[in-house]
Amino acid sequence: MESRAVLRNVRVSARKARLIADMIRGKDVASAIKFLGFTNKKTAPMVAKIVKSAVANAEQVGVKDPDKLYVKTVFVDEGPTMKRFMPRAMGRATKILKRSSHITVVLAER
């Protein structure tokens, strides 16, 4: 039995979020949440929240023992990018890209 959770339009770049996603892929849920609690990155609490949400979804679907769940797949897709401009010297402007991402977590039973 699989369960999934998706967090969309997170204001963090996909490249930074993939660093955290790669660290928890394949781990069981308890160790993944503990690992994310001690990780000093902006994305770590967001991913922990998604993992907990996926566990709650699994309990709703009918998983008997949530301790047997592990992180089957985690992937981060790029979301919409906000484009802003900053004034620079001599009347020029520089484009600033404020990136966002969509984070998906899939849990499965061992």
PDB file of N, CA and C in Angstrom:
ATOM      1  N   MET A   1       0.839  -1.169   0.000  1.00  0.00           N
ATOM      2  CA  MET A   1       0.000   0.000   0.000  1.00  0.00           C
ATOM      3  C   MET A   1       0.892   1.243   0.000  1.00  0.00           C
ATOM      4  N   GLU A   2       0.594   2.166  -0.878  1.00  0.00           N
ATOM      5  CA  GLU A   2       1.366   3.399  -0.985  1.00  0.00           C
ATOM      6  C   GLU A   2       0.503   4.585  -0.580  1.00  0.00           C
ATOM      7  N   SER A   3       1.165   5.597  -0.070  1.00  0.00           N
ATOM      8  CA  SER A   3       0.489   6.871   0.195  1.00  0.00           C
ATOM      9  C   SER A   3       1.422   7.976  -0.254  1.00  0.00           C
ATOM     10  N   ARG A   4       0.824   9.098  -0.616  1.00  0.00           N
ATOM     11  CA  ARG A   4       1.645  10.199  -1.093  1.00  0.00           C
ATOM     12  C   ARG A   4       1.118  11.510  -0.564  1.00  0.00           C
ATOM     13  N   ALA A   5       1.997  12.491  -0.564  1.00  0.00           N
ATOM     14  CA  ALA A   5       1.639  13.853  -0.167  1.00  0.00           C
ATOM     15  C   ALA A   5       2.427  14.805  -1.051  1.00  0.00           C
ATOM     16  N   VAL A   6       1.811  15.920  -1.392  1.00  0.00           N
ATOM     17  CA  VAL A   6       2.427  16.900  -2.280  1.00  0.00           C
ATOM     18  C   VAL A   6       2.334  18.277  -1.636  1.00  0.00           C
ATOM     19  N   LEU A   7       3.438  18.990  -1.649  1.00  0.00           N
ATOM     20  CA  LEU A   7       3.460  20.382  -1.205  1.00  0.00           C
ATOM     21  C   LEU A   7       3.816  21.219  -2.423  1.00  0.00           C
ATOM     22  N   ARG A   8       2.907  22.107  -2.797  1.00  0.00           N
ATOM     23  CA  ARG A   8       3.090  22.851  -4.033  1.00  0.00           C
ATOM     24  C   ARG A   8       3.418  24.312  -3.752  1.00  0.00           C
ATOM     25  N   ASN A   9       4.122  24.913  -4.696  1.00  0.00           N
ATOM     26  CA  ASN A   9       4.461  26.346  -4.671  1.00  0.00           C
ATOM     27  C   ASN A   9       5.243  26.743  -3.423  1.00  0.00           C
ATOM     28  N   VAL A  10       6.227  25.941  -3.064  1.00  0.00           N
ATOM     29  CA  VAL A  10       7.083  26.240  -1.927  1.00  0.00           C
ATOM     30  C   VAL A  10       8.113  27.256  -2.383  1.00  0.00           C
ATOM     31  N   ARG A  11       8.326  28.300  -1.580  1.00  0.00           N
ATOM     32  CA  ARG A  11       9.244  29.362  -1.985  1.00  0.00           C
ATOM     33  C   ARG A  11      10.693  28.998  -1.686  1.00  0.00           C
ATOM     34  N   VAL A  12      11.164  27.948  -2.323  1.00  0.00           N
ATOM     35  CA  VAL A  12      12.561  27.533  -2.248  1.00  0.00           C
ATOM     36  C   VAL A  12      12.901  26.948  -3.610  1.00  0.00           C
ATOM     37  N   SER A  13      14.125  27.130  -4.051  1.00  0.00           N
ATOM     38  CA  SER A  13      14.479  26.633  -5.378  1.00  0.00           C
ATOM     39  C   SER A  13      14.524  25.105  -5.369  1.00  0.00           C
ATOM     40  N   ALA A  14      14.251  24.526  -6.505  1.00  0.00           N
ATOM     41  CA  ALA A  14      14.214  23.069  -6.620  1.00  0.00           C
ATOM     42  C   ALA A  14      15.590  22.469  -6.369  1.00  0.00           C
ATOM     43  N   ARG A  15      16.629  23.168  -6.745  1.00  0.00           N
ATOM     44  CA  ARG A  15      17.986  22.661  -6.554  1.00  0.00           C
ATOM     45  C   ARG A  15      18.313  22.500  -5.066  1.00  0.00           C
ATOM     46  N   LYS A  16      17.906  23.470  -4.250  1.00  0.00           N
ATOM     47  CA  LYS A  16      18.156  23.392  -2.809  1.00  0.00           C
ATOM     48  C   LYS A  16      17.292  22.321  -2.156  1.00  0.00           C
ATOM     49  N   ALA A  17      16.062  22.181  -2.631  1.00  0.00           N
ATOM     50  CA  ALA A  17      15.168  21.175  -2.052  1.00  0.00           C
ATOM     51  C   ALA A  17      15.610  19.766  -2.414  1.00  0.00           C
ATOM     52  N   ARG A  18      16.212  19.584  -3.581  1.00  0.00           N
ATOM     53  CA  ARG A  18      16.670  18.251  -3.986  1.00  0.00           C
ATOM     54  C   ARG A  18      17.805  17.748  -3.100  1.00  0.00           C
ATOM     55  N   LEU A  19      18.596  18.656  -2.526  1.00  0.00           N
ATOM     56  CA  LEU A  19      19.656  18.242  -1.615  1.00  0.00           C
ATOM     57  C   LEU A  19      19.077  17.501  -0.411  1.00  0.00           C
ATOM     58  N   ILE A  20      17.983  18.000   0.124  1.00  0.00           N
ATOM     59  CA  ILE A  20      17.340  17.371   1.274  1.00  0.00           C
ATOM     60  C   ILE A  20      16.600  16.108   0.837  1.00  0.00           C
ATOM     61  N   ALA A  21      15.944  16.159  -0.310  1.00  0.00           N
ATOM     62  CA  ALA A  21      15.183  14.999  -0.792  1.00  0.00           C
ATOM     63  C   ALA A  21      16.097  13.803  -1.026  1.00  0.00           C
ATOM     64  N   ASP A  22      17.295  14.050  -1.531  1.00  0.00           N
ATOM     65  CA  ASP A  22      18.225  12.953  -1.788  1.00  0.00           C
ATOM     66  C   ASP A  22      18.697  12.298  -0.493  1.00  0.00           C
ATOM     67  N   MET A  23      18.714  13.057   0.600  1.00  0.00           N
ATOM     68  CA  MET A  23      19.207  12.515   1.863  1.00  0.00           C
ATOM     69  C   MET A  23      18.232  11.559   2.532  1.00  0.00           C
ATOM     70  N   ILE A  24      16.916  11.707   2.296  1.00  0.00           N
ATOM     71  CA  ILE A  24      15.957  10.850   2.996  1.00  0.00           C
ATOM     72  C   ILE A  24      15.401   9.733   2.123  1.00  0.00           C
ATOM     73  N   ARG A  25      15.726   9.723   0.859  1.00  0.00           N
ATOM     74  CA  ARG A  25      15.188   8.703  -0.041  1.00  0.00           C
ATOM     75  C   ARG A  25      15.642   7.312   0.395  1.00  0.00           C
ATOM     76  N   GLY A  26      14.684   6.403   0.570  1.00  0.00           N
ATOM     77  CA  GLY A  26      14.994   5.028   0.946  1.00  0.00           C
ATOM     78  C   GLY A  26      15.027   4.768   2.441  1.00  0.00           C
ATOM     79  N   LYS A  27      14.963   5.811   3.278  1.00  0.00           N
ATOM     80  CA  LYS A  27      15.005   5.621   4.733  1.00  0.00           C
ATOM     81  C   LYS A  27      13.609   5.311   5.262  1.00  0.00           C
ATOM     82  N   ASP A  28      13.557   4.673   6.446  1.00  0.00           N
ATOM     83  CA  ASP A  28      12.249   4.488   7.053  1.00  0.00           C
ATOM     84  C   ASP A  28      11.786   5.817   7.631  1.00  0.00           C
ATOM     85  N   VAL A  29      10.487   5.918   7.877  1.00  0.00           N
ATOM     86  CA  VAL A  29       9.866   7.199   8.189  1.00  0.00           C
ATOM     87  C   VAL A  29      10.407   7.795   9.490  1.00  0.00           C
ATOM     88  N   ALA A  30      10.574   6.970  10.518  1.00  0.00           N
ATOM     89  CA  ALA A  30      11.026   7.487  11.809  1.00  0.00           C
ATOM     90  C   ALA A  30      12.428   8.096  11.706  1.00  0.00           C
ATOM     91  N   SER A  31      13.330   7.396  11.033  1.00  0.00           N
ATOM     92  CA  SER A  31      14.689   7.928  10.909  1.00  0.00           C
ATOM     93  C   SER A  31      14.726   9.140   9.974  1.00  0.00           C
ATOM     94  N   ALA A  32      13.855   9.181   8.973  1.00  0.00           N
ATOM     95  CA  ALA A  32      13.808  10.336   8.070  1.00  0.00           C
ATOM     96  C   ALA A  32      13.352  11.582   8.816  1.00  0.00           C
ATOM     97  N   ILE A  33      12.323  11.456   9.660  1.00  0.00           N
ATOM     98  CA  ILE A  33      11.828  12.605  10.413  1.00  0.00           C
ATOM     99  C   ILE A  33      12.862  13.064  11.432  1.00  0.00           C
ATOM    100  N   LYS A  34      13.529  12.103  12.077  1.00  0.00           N
ATOM    101  CA  LYS A  34      14.572  12.459  13.043  1.00  0.00           C
ATOM    102  C   LYS A  34      15.733  13.157  12.343  1.00  0.00           C
ATOM    103  N   PHE A  35      16.121  12.653  11.169  1.00  0.00           N
ATOM    104  CA  PHE A  35      17.200  13.248  10.395  1.00  0.00           C
ATOM    105  C   PHE A  35      16.855  14.676   9.995  1.00  0.00           C
ATOM    106  N   LEU A  36      15.623  14.879   9.531  1.00  0.00           N
ATOM    107  CA  LEU A  36      15.209  16.214   9.100  1.00  0.00           C
ATOM    108  C   LEU A  36      15.130  17.188  10.273  1.00  0.00           C
ATOM    109  N   GLY A  37      14.854  16.679  11.465  1.00  0.00           N
ATOM    110  CA  GLY A  37      14.803  17.546  12.642  1.00  0.00           C
ATOM    111  C   GLY A  37      16.158  18.131  12.992  1.00  0.00           C
ATOM    112  N   PHE A  38      17.233  17.415  12.677  1.00  0.00           N
ATOM    113  CA  PHE A  38      18.576  17.882  13.000  1.00  0.00           C
ATOM    114  C   PHE A  38      19.296  18.518  11.812  1.00  0.00           C
ATOM    115  N   THR A  39      18.651  18.569  10.660  1.00  0.00           N
ATOM    116  CA  THR A  39      19.270  19.155   9.474  1.00  0.00           C
ATOM    117  C   THR A  39      19.070  20.667   9.487  1.00  0.00           C
ATOM    118  N   ASN A  40      20.138  21.394   9.303  1.00  0.00           N
ATOM    119  CA  ASN A  40      20.107  22.852   9.390  1.00  0.00           C
ATOM    120  C   ASN A  40      19.962  23.459   7.987  1.00  0.00           C
ATOM    121  N   LYS A  41      18.825  23.211   7.353  1.00  0.00           N
ATOM    122  CA  LYS A  41      18.520  23.773   6.041  1.00  0.00           C
ATOM    123  C   LYS A  41      17.106  24.335   6.068  1.00  0.00           C
ATOM    124  N   LYS A  42      16.841  25.308   5.225  1.00  0.00           N
ATOM    125  CA  LYS A  42      15.525  25.934   5.167  1.00  0.00           C
ATOM    126  C   LYS A  42      14.449  24.933   4.746  1.00  0.00           C
ATOM    127  N   THR A  43      14.800  23.998   3.890  1.00  0.00           N
ATOM    128  CA  THR A  43      13.832  23.066   3.322  1.00  0.00           C
ATOM    129  C   THR A  43      13.495  21.921   4.261  1.00  0.00           C
ATOM    130  N   ALA A  44      14.333  21.624   5.237  1.00  0.00           N
ATOM    131  CA  ALA A  44      14.152  20.446   6.089  1.00  0.00           C
ATOM    132  C   ALA A  44      12.809  20.430   6.825  1.00  0.00           C
ATOM    133  N   PRO A  45      12.368  21.520   7.472  1.00  0.00           N
ATOM    134  CA  PRO A  45      11.061  21.461   8.132  1.00  0.00           C
ATOM    135  C   PRO A  45       9.907  21.266   7.154  1.00  0.00           C
ATOM    136  N   MET A  46      10.036  21.797   5.955  1.00  0.00           N
ATOM    137  CA  MET A  46       8.989  21.626   4.951  1.00  0.00           C
ATOM    138  C   MET A  46       8.860  20.167   4.542  1.00  0.00           C
ATOM    139  N   VAL A  47      10.001  19.521   4.296  1.00  0.00           N
ATOM    140  CA  VAL A  47       9.984  18.120   3.890  1.00  0.00           C
ATOM    141  C   VAL A  47       9.495  17.243   5.037  1.00  0.00           C
ATOM    142  N   ALA A  48       9.869  17.578   6.274  1.00  0.00           N
ATOM    143  CA  ALA A  48       9.387  16.822   7.433  1.00  0.00           C
ATOM    144  C   ALA A  48       7.866  16.903   7.529  1.00  0.00           C
ATOM    145  N   LYS A  49       7.333  18.077   7.263  1.00  0.00           N
ATOM    146  CA  LYS A  49       5.885  18.264   7.296  1.00  0.00           C
ATOM    147  C   LYS A  49       5.199  17.405   6.237  1.00  0.00           C
ATOM    148  N   ILE A  50       5.802  17.294   5.056  1.00  0.00           N
ATOM    149  CA  ILE A  50       5.218  16.490   3.983  1.00  0.00           C
ATOM    150  C   ILE A  50       5.271  15.014   4.343  1.00  0.00           C
ATOM    151  N   VAL A  51       6.378  14.573   4.936  1.00  0.00           N
ATOM    152  CA  VAL A  51       6.502  13.162   5.327  1.00  0.00           C
ATOM    153  C   VAL A  51       5.438  12.821   6.365  1.00  0.00           C
ATOM    154  N   LYS A  52       5.230  13.705   7.343  1.00  0.00           N
ATOM    155  CA  LYS A  52       4.200  13.467   8.365  1.00  0.00           C
ATOM    156  C   LYS A  52       2.809  13.443   7.731  1.00  0.00           C
ATOM    157  N   SER A  53       2.595  14.296   6.747  1.00  0.00           N
ATOM    158  CA  SER A  53       1.318  14.305   6.047  1.00  0.00           C
ATOM    159  C   SER A  53       1.099  13.008   5.277  1.00  0.00           C
ATOM    160  N   ALA A  54       2.140  12.487   4.665  1.00  0.00           N
ATOM    161  CA  ALA A  54       2.029  11.223   3.936  1.00  0.00           C
ATOM    162  C   ALA A  54       1.741  10.068   4.896  1.00  0.00           C
ATOM    163  N   VAL A  55       2.322  10.113   6.110  1.00  0.00           N
ATOM    164  CA  VAL A  55       2.029   9.084   7.118  1.00  0.00           C
ATOM    165  C   VAL A  55       0.557   9.158   7.518  1.00  0.00           C
ATOM    166  N   ALA A  56       0.030  10.368   7.708  1.00  0.00           N
ATOM    167  CA  ALA A  56      -1.382  10.532   8.042  1.00  0.00           C
ATOM    168  C   ALA A  56      -2.267  10.034   6.905  1.00  0.00           C
ATOM    169  N   ASN A  57      -1.861  10.286   5.669  1.00  0.00           N
ATOM    170  CA  ASN A  57      -2.621   9.782   4.522  1.00  0.00           C
ATOM    171  C   ASN A  57      -2.605   8.256   4.495  1.00  0.00           C
ATOM    172  N   ALA A  58      -1.477   7.664   4.858  1.00  0.00           N
ATOM    173  CA  ALA A  58      -1.387   6.202   4.881  1.00  0.00           C
ATOM    174  C   ALA A  58      -2.324   5.623   5.938  1.00  0.00           C
ATOM    175  N   GLU A  59      -2.412   6.279   7.080  1.00  0.00           N
ATOM    176  CA  GLU A  59      -3.317   5.797   8.127  1.00  0.00           C
ATOM    177  C   GLU A  59      -4.767   5.905   7.676  1.00  0.00           C
ATOM    178  N   GLN A  60      -5.103   6.927   6.907  1.00  0.00           N
ATOM    179  CA  GLN A  60      -6.465   7.074   6.396  1.00  0.00           C
ATOM    180  C   GLN A  60      -6.796   5.992   5.365  1.00  0.00           C
ATOM    181  N   VAL A  61      -5.791   5.613   4.572  1.00  0.00           N
ATOM    182  CA  VAL A  61      -6.004   4.594   3.543  1.00  0.00           C
ATOM    183  C   VAL A  61      -6.192   3.221   4.173  1.00  0.00           C
ATOM    184  N   GLY A  62      -5.553   2.987   5.322  1.00  0.00           N
ATOM    185  CA  GLY A  62      -5.749   1.718   6.007  1.00  0.00           C
ATOM    186  C   GLY A  62      -4.477   0.950   6.276  1.00  0.00           C
ATOM    187  N   VAL A  63      -3.351   1.620   6.398  1.00  0.00           N
ATOM    188  CA  VAL A  63      -2.110   0.940   6.741  1.00  0.00           C
ATOM    189  C   VAL A  63      -2.187   0.557   8.208  1.00  0.00           C
ATOM    190  N   LYS A  64      -1.926  -0.725   8.501  1.00  0.00           N
ATOM    191  CA  LYS A  64      -2.052  -1.227   9.870  1.00  0.00           C
ATOM    192  C   LYS A  64      -0.948  -0.699  10.780  1.00  0.00           C
ATOM    193  N   ASP A  65       0.298  -0.763  10.310  1.00  0.00           N
ATOM    194  CA  ASP A  65       1.436  -0.393  11.147  1.00  0.00           C
ATOM    195  C   ASP A  65       2.248   0.702  10.463  1.00  0.00           C
ATOM    196  N   PRO A  66       2.129   1.962  10.908  1.00  0.00           N
ATOM    197  CA  PRO A  66       2.889   3.043  10.256  1.00  0.00           C
ATOM    198  C   PRO A  66       4.389   2.945  10.481  1.00  0.00           C
ATOM    199  N   ASP A  67       4.835   2.114  11.438  1.00  0.00           N
ATOM    200  CA  ASP A  67       6.269   1.959  11.675  1.00  0.00           C
ATOM    201  C   ASP A  67       6.956   1.187  10.557  1.00  0.00           C
ATOM    202  N   LYS A  68       6.188   0.490   9.730  1.00  0.00           N
ATOM    203  CA  LYS A  68       6.771  -0.281   8.621  1.00  0.00           C
ATOM    204  C   LYS A  68       6.915   0.545   7.348  1.00  0.00           C
ATOM    205  N   LEU A  69       6.502   1.796   7.388  1.00  0.00           N
ATOM    206  CA  LEU A  69       6.579   2.642   6.199  1.00  0.00           C
ATOM    207  C   LEU A  69       7.997   3.137   5.967  1.00  0.00           C
ATOM    208  N   TYR A  70       8.352   3.294   4.697  1.00  0.00           N
ATOM    209  CA  TYR A  70       9.633   3.891   4.323  1.00  0.00           C
ATOM    210  C   TYR A  70       9.405   4.852   3.166  1.00  0.00           C
ATOM    211  N   VAL A  71      10.360   5.727   2.945  1.00  0.00           N
ATOM    212  CA  VAL A  71      10.257   6.735   1.897  1.00  0.00           C
ATOM    213  C   VAL A  71      10.647   6.062   0.575  1.00  0.00           C
ATOM    214  N   LYS A  72       9.643   5.750  -0.213  1.00  0.00           N
ATOM    215  CA  LYS A  72       9.898   5.051  -1.482  1.00  0.00           C
ATOM    216  C   LYS A  72      10.494   6.009  -2.504  1.00  0.00           C
ATOM    217  N   THR A  73       9.831   7.115  -2.735  1.00  0.00           N
ATOM    218  CA  THR A  73      10.361   8.114  -3.667  1.00  0.00           C
ATOM    219  C   THR A  73      10.116   9.510  -3.120  1.00  0.00           C
ATOM    220  N   VAL A  74      11.034  10.386  -3.417  1.00  0.00           N
ATOM    221  CA  VAL A  74      10.891  11.815  -3.137  1.00  0.00           C
ATOM    222  C   VAL A  74      11.386  12.522  -4.386  1.00  0.00           C
ATOM    223  N   PHE A  75      10.574  13.409  -4.919  1.00  0.00           N
ATOM    224  CA  PHE A  75      11.080  14.181  -6.051  1.00  0.00           C
ATOM    225  C   PHE A  75      10.606  15.614  -5.943  1.00  0.00           C
ATOM    226  N   VAL A  76      11.415  16.488  -6.523  1.00  0.00           N
ATOM    227  CA  VAL A  76      11.172  17.924  -6.457  1.00  0.00           C
ATOM    228  C   VAL A  76      11.119  18.459  -7.879  1.00  0.00           C
ATOM    229  N   ASP A  77      10.000  19.052  -8.221  1.00  0.00           N
ATOM    230  CA  ASP A  77       9.826  19.657  -9.538  1.00  0.00           C
ATOM    231  C   ASP A  77       9.850  21.175  -9.393  1.00  0.00           C
ATOM    232  N   GLU A  78      10.202  21.841 -10.472  1.00  0.00           N
ATOM    233  CA  GLU A  78      10.207  23.299 -10.445  1.00  0.00           C
ATOM    234  C   GLU A  78       8.781  23.822 -10.516  1.00  0.00           C
ATOM    235  N   GLY A  79       8.522  24.851  -9.720  1.00  0.00           N
ATOM    236  CA  GLY A  79       7.235  25.518  -9.748  1.00  0.00           C
ATOM    237  C   GLY A  79       7.329  26.804 -10.550  1.00  0.00           C
ATOM    238  N   PRO A  80       6.331  27.649 -10.426  1.00  0.00           N
ATOM    239  CA  PRO A  80       6.376  28.916 -11.148  1.00  0.00           C
ATOM    240  C   PRO A  80       7.459  29.838 -10.596  1.00  0.00           C
ATOM    241  N   THR A  81       8.032  30.624 -11.467  1.00  0.00           N
ATOM    242  CA  THR A  81       9.094  31.559 -11.094  1.00  0.00           C
ATOM    243  C   THR A  81       8.566  32.982 -11.169  1.00  0.00           C
ATOM    244  N   MET A  82       8.721  33.716 -10.059  1.00  0.00           N
ATOM    245  CA  MET A  82       8.347  35.133 -10.064  1.00  0.00           C
ATOM    246  C   MET A  82       9.528  35.930 -10.601  1.00  0.00           C
ATOM    247  N   LYS A  83       9.248  36.833 -11.504  1.00  0.00           N
ATOM    248  CA  LYS A  83      10.307  37.642 -12.097  1.00  0.00           C
ATOM    249  C   LYS A  83      10.215  39.054 -11.552  1.00  0.00           C
ATOM    250  N   ARG A  84      11.321  39.517 -10.990  1.00  0.00           N
ATOM    251  CA  ARG A  84      11.392  40.856 -10.429  1.00  0.00           C
ATOM    252  C   ARG A  84      12.598  41.568 -11.010  1.00  0.00           C
ATOM    253  N   PHE A  85      12.616  42.880 -10.933  1.00  0.00           N
ATOM    254  CA  PHE A  85      13.735  43.653 -11.453  1.00  0.00           C
ATOM    255  C   PHE A  85      14.288  44.563 -10.372  1.00  0.00           C
ATOM    256  N   MET A  86      15.619  44.688 -10.378  1.00  0.00           N
ATOM    257  CA  MET A  86      16.302  45.532  -9.421  1.00  0.00           C
ATOM    258  C   MET A  86      17.050  46.620 -10.186  1.00  0.00           C
ATOM    259  N   PRO A  87      16.895  47.877  -9.779  1.00  0.00           N
ATOM    260  CA  PRO A  87      17.618  48.943 -10.471  1.00  0.00           C
ATOM    261  C   PRO A  87      19.118  48.834 -10.237  1.00  0.00           C
ATOM    262  N   ARG A  88      19.881  49.110 -11.275  1.00  0.00           N
ATOM    263  CA  ARG A  88      21.340  49.053 -11.187  1.00  0.00           C
ATOM    264  C   ARG A  88      21.927  50.373 -11.682  1.00  0.00           C
ATOM    265  N   ALA A  89      23.221  50.420 -11.781  1.00  0.00           N
ATOM    266  CA  ALA A  89      23.904  51.658 -12.150  1.00  0.00           C
ATOM    267  C   ALA A  89      23.613  52.056 -13.597  1.00  0.00           C
ATOM    268  N   MET A  90      23.676  53.335 -13.864  1.00  0.00           N
ATOM    269  CA  MET A  90      23.556  53.927 -15.197  1.00  0.00           C
ATOM    270  C   MET A  90      22.224  53.590 -15.861  1.00  0.00           C
ATOM    271  N   GLY A  91      21.142  53.524 -15.065  1.00  0.00           N
ATOM    272  CA  GLY A  91      19.813  53.344 -15.626  1.00  0.00           C
ATOM    273  C   GLY A  91      19.482  51.936 -16.066  1.00  0.00           C
ATOM    274  N   ARG A  92      20.317  50.988 -15.745  1.00  0.00           N
ATOM    275  CA  ARG A  92      20.049  49.606 -16.137  1.00  0.00           C
ATOM    276  C   ARG A  92      19.186  48.915 -15.081  1.00  0.00           C
ATOM    277  N   ALA A  93      18.746  47.720 -15.418  1.00  0.00           N
ATOM    278  CA  ALA A  93      17.988  46.892 -14.473  1.00  0.00           C
ATOM    279  C   ALA A  93      18.474  45.457 -14.595  1.00  0.00           C
ATOM    280  N   THR A  94      18.434  44.745 -13.487  1.00  0.00           N
ATOM    281  CA  THR A  94      18.850  43.338 -13.457  1.00  0.00           C
ATOM    282  C   THR A  94      17.647  42.484 -13.065  1.00  0.00           C
ATOM    283  N   LYS A  95      17.491  41.375 -13.762  1.00  0.00           N
ATOM    284  CA  LYS A  95      16.386  40.474 -13.478  1.00  0.00           C
ATOM    285  C   LYS A  95      16.701  39.631 -12.238  1.00  0.00           C
ATOM    286  N   ILE A  96      15.732  39.493 -11.351  1.00  0.00           N
ATOM    287  CA  ILE A  96      15.849  38.609 -10.194  1.00  0.00           C
ATOM    288  C   ILE A  96      14.781  37.548 -10.332  1.00  0.00           C
ATOM    289  N   LEU A  97      15.177  36.270 -10.258  1.00  0.00           N
ATOM    290  CA  LEU A  97      14.251  35.151 -10.376  1.00  0.00           C
ATOM    291  C   LEU A  97      13.981  34.580  -8.992  1.00  0.00           C
ATOM    292  N   LYS A  98      12.736  34.650  -8.549  1.00  0.00           N
ATOM    293  CA  LYS A  98      12.343  34.077  -7.266  1.00  0.00           C
ATOM    294  C   LYS A  98      11.686  32.740  -7.571  1.00  0.00           C
ATOM    295  N   ARG A  99      12.456  31.682  -7.381  1.00  0.00           N
ATOM    296  CA  ARG A  99      12.020  30.353  -7.797  1.00  0.00           C
ATOM    297  C   ARG A  99      11.165  29.683  -6.734  1.00  0.00           C
ATOM    298  N   SER A 100      10.338  28.763  -7.184  1.00  0.00           N
ATOM    299  CA  SER A 100       9.534  27.950  -6.278  1.00  0.00           C
ATOM    300  C   SER A 100       9.574  26.507  -6.762  1.00  0.00           C
ATOM    301  N   SER A 101       9.037  25.599  -5.953  1.00  0.00           N
ATOM    302  CA  SER A 101       9.108  24.187  -6.316  1.00  0.00           C
ATOM    303  C   SER A 101       7.894  23.440  -5.786  1.00  0.00           C
ATOM    304  N   HIS A 102       7.688  22.241  -6.318  1.00  0.00           N
ATOM    305  CA  HIS A 102       6.665  21.307  -5.867  1.00  0.00           C
ATOM    306  C   HIS A 102       7.388  20.079  -5.330  1.00  0.00           C
ATOM    307  N   ILE A 103       7.111  19.688  -4.076  1.00  0.00           N
ATOM    308  CA  ILE A 103       7.784  18.558  -3.452  1.00  0.00           C
ATOM    309  C   ILE A 103       6.764  17.438  -3.281  1.00  0.00           C
ATOM    310  N   THR A 104       7.107  16.232  -3.734  1.00  0.00           N
ATOM    311  CA  THR A 104       6.228  15.072  -3.645  1.00  0.00           C
ATOM    312  C   THR A 104       6.940  13.958  -2.884  1.00  0.00           C
ATOM    313  N   VAL A 105       6.241  13.358  -1.918  1.00  0.00           N
ATOM    314  CA  VAL A 105       6.767  12.245  -1.132  1.00  0.00           C
ATOM    315  C   VAL A 105       5.827  11.065  -1.294  1.00  0.00           C
ATOM    316  N   VAL A 106       6.391   9.879  -1.597  1.00  0.00           N
ATOM    317  CA  VAL A 106       5.618   8.653  -1.701  1.00  0.00           C
ATOM    318  C   VAL A 106       6.164   7.672  -0.679  1.00  0.00           C
ATOM    319  N   LEU A 107       5.285   7.163   0.181  1.00  0.00           N
ATOM    320  CA  LEU A 107       5.659   6.174   1.193  1.00  0.00           C
ATOM    321  C   LEU A 107       5.079   4.812   0.818  1.00  0.00           C
ATOM    322  N   ALA A 108       5.786   3.762   1.193  1.00  0.00           N
ATOM    323  CA  ALA A 108       5.322   2.401   0.952  1.00  0.00           C
ATOM    324  C   ALA A 108       5.667   1.532   2.160  1.00  0.00           C
ATOM    325  N   GLU A 109       5.013   0.378   2.242  1.00  0.00           N
ATOM    326  CA  GLU A 109       5.271  -0.552   3.325  1.00  0.00           C
ATOM    327  C   GLU A 109       6.390  -1.508   2.944  1.00  0.00           C
ATOM    328  N   ARG A 110       7.177  -1.893   3.938  1.00  0.00           N
ATOM    329  CA  ARG A 110       8.209  -2.902   3.695  1.00  0.00           C
ATOM    330  C   ARG A 110       7.632  -4.275   3.871  1.00  0.00           C
TER     331      ARG A 110
END
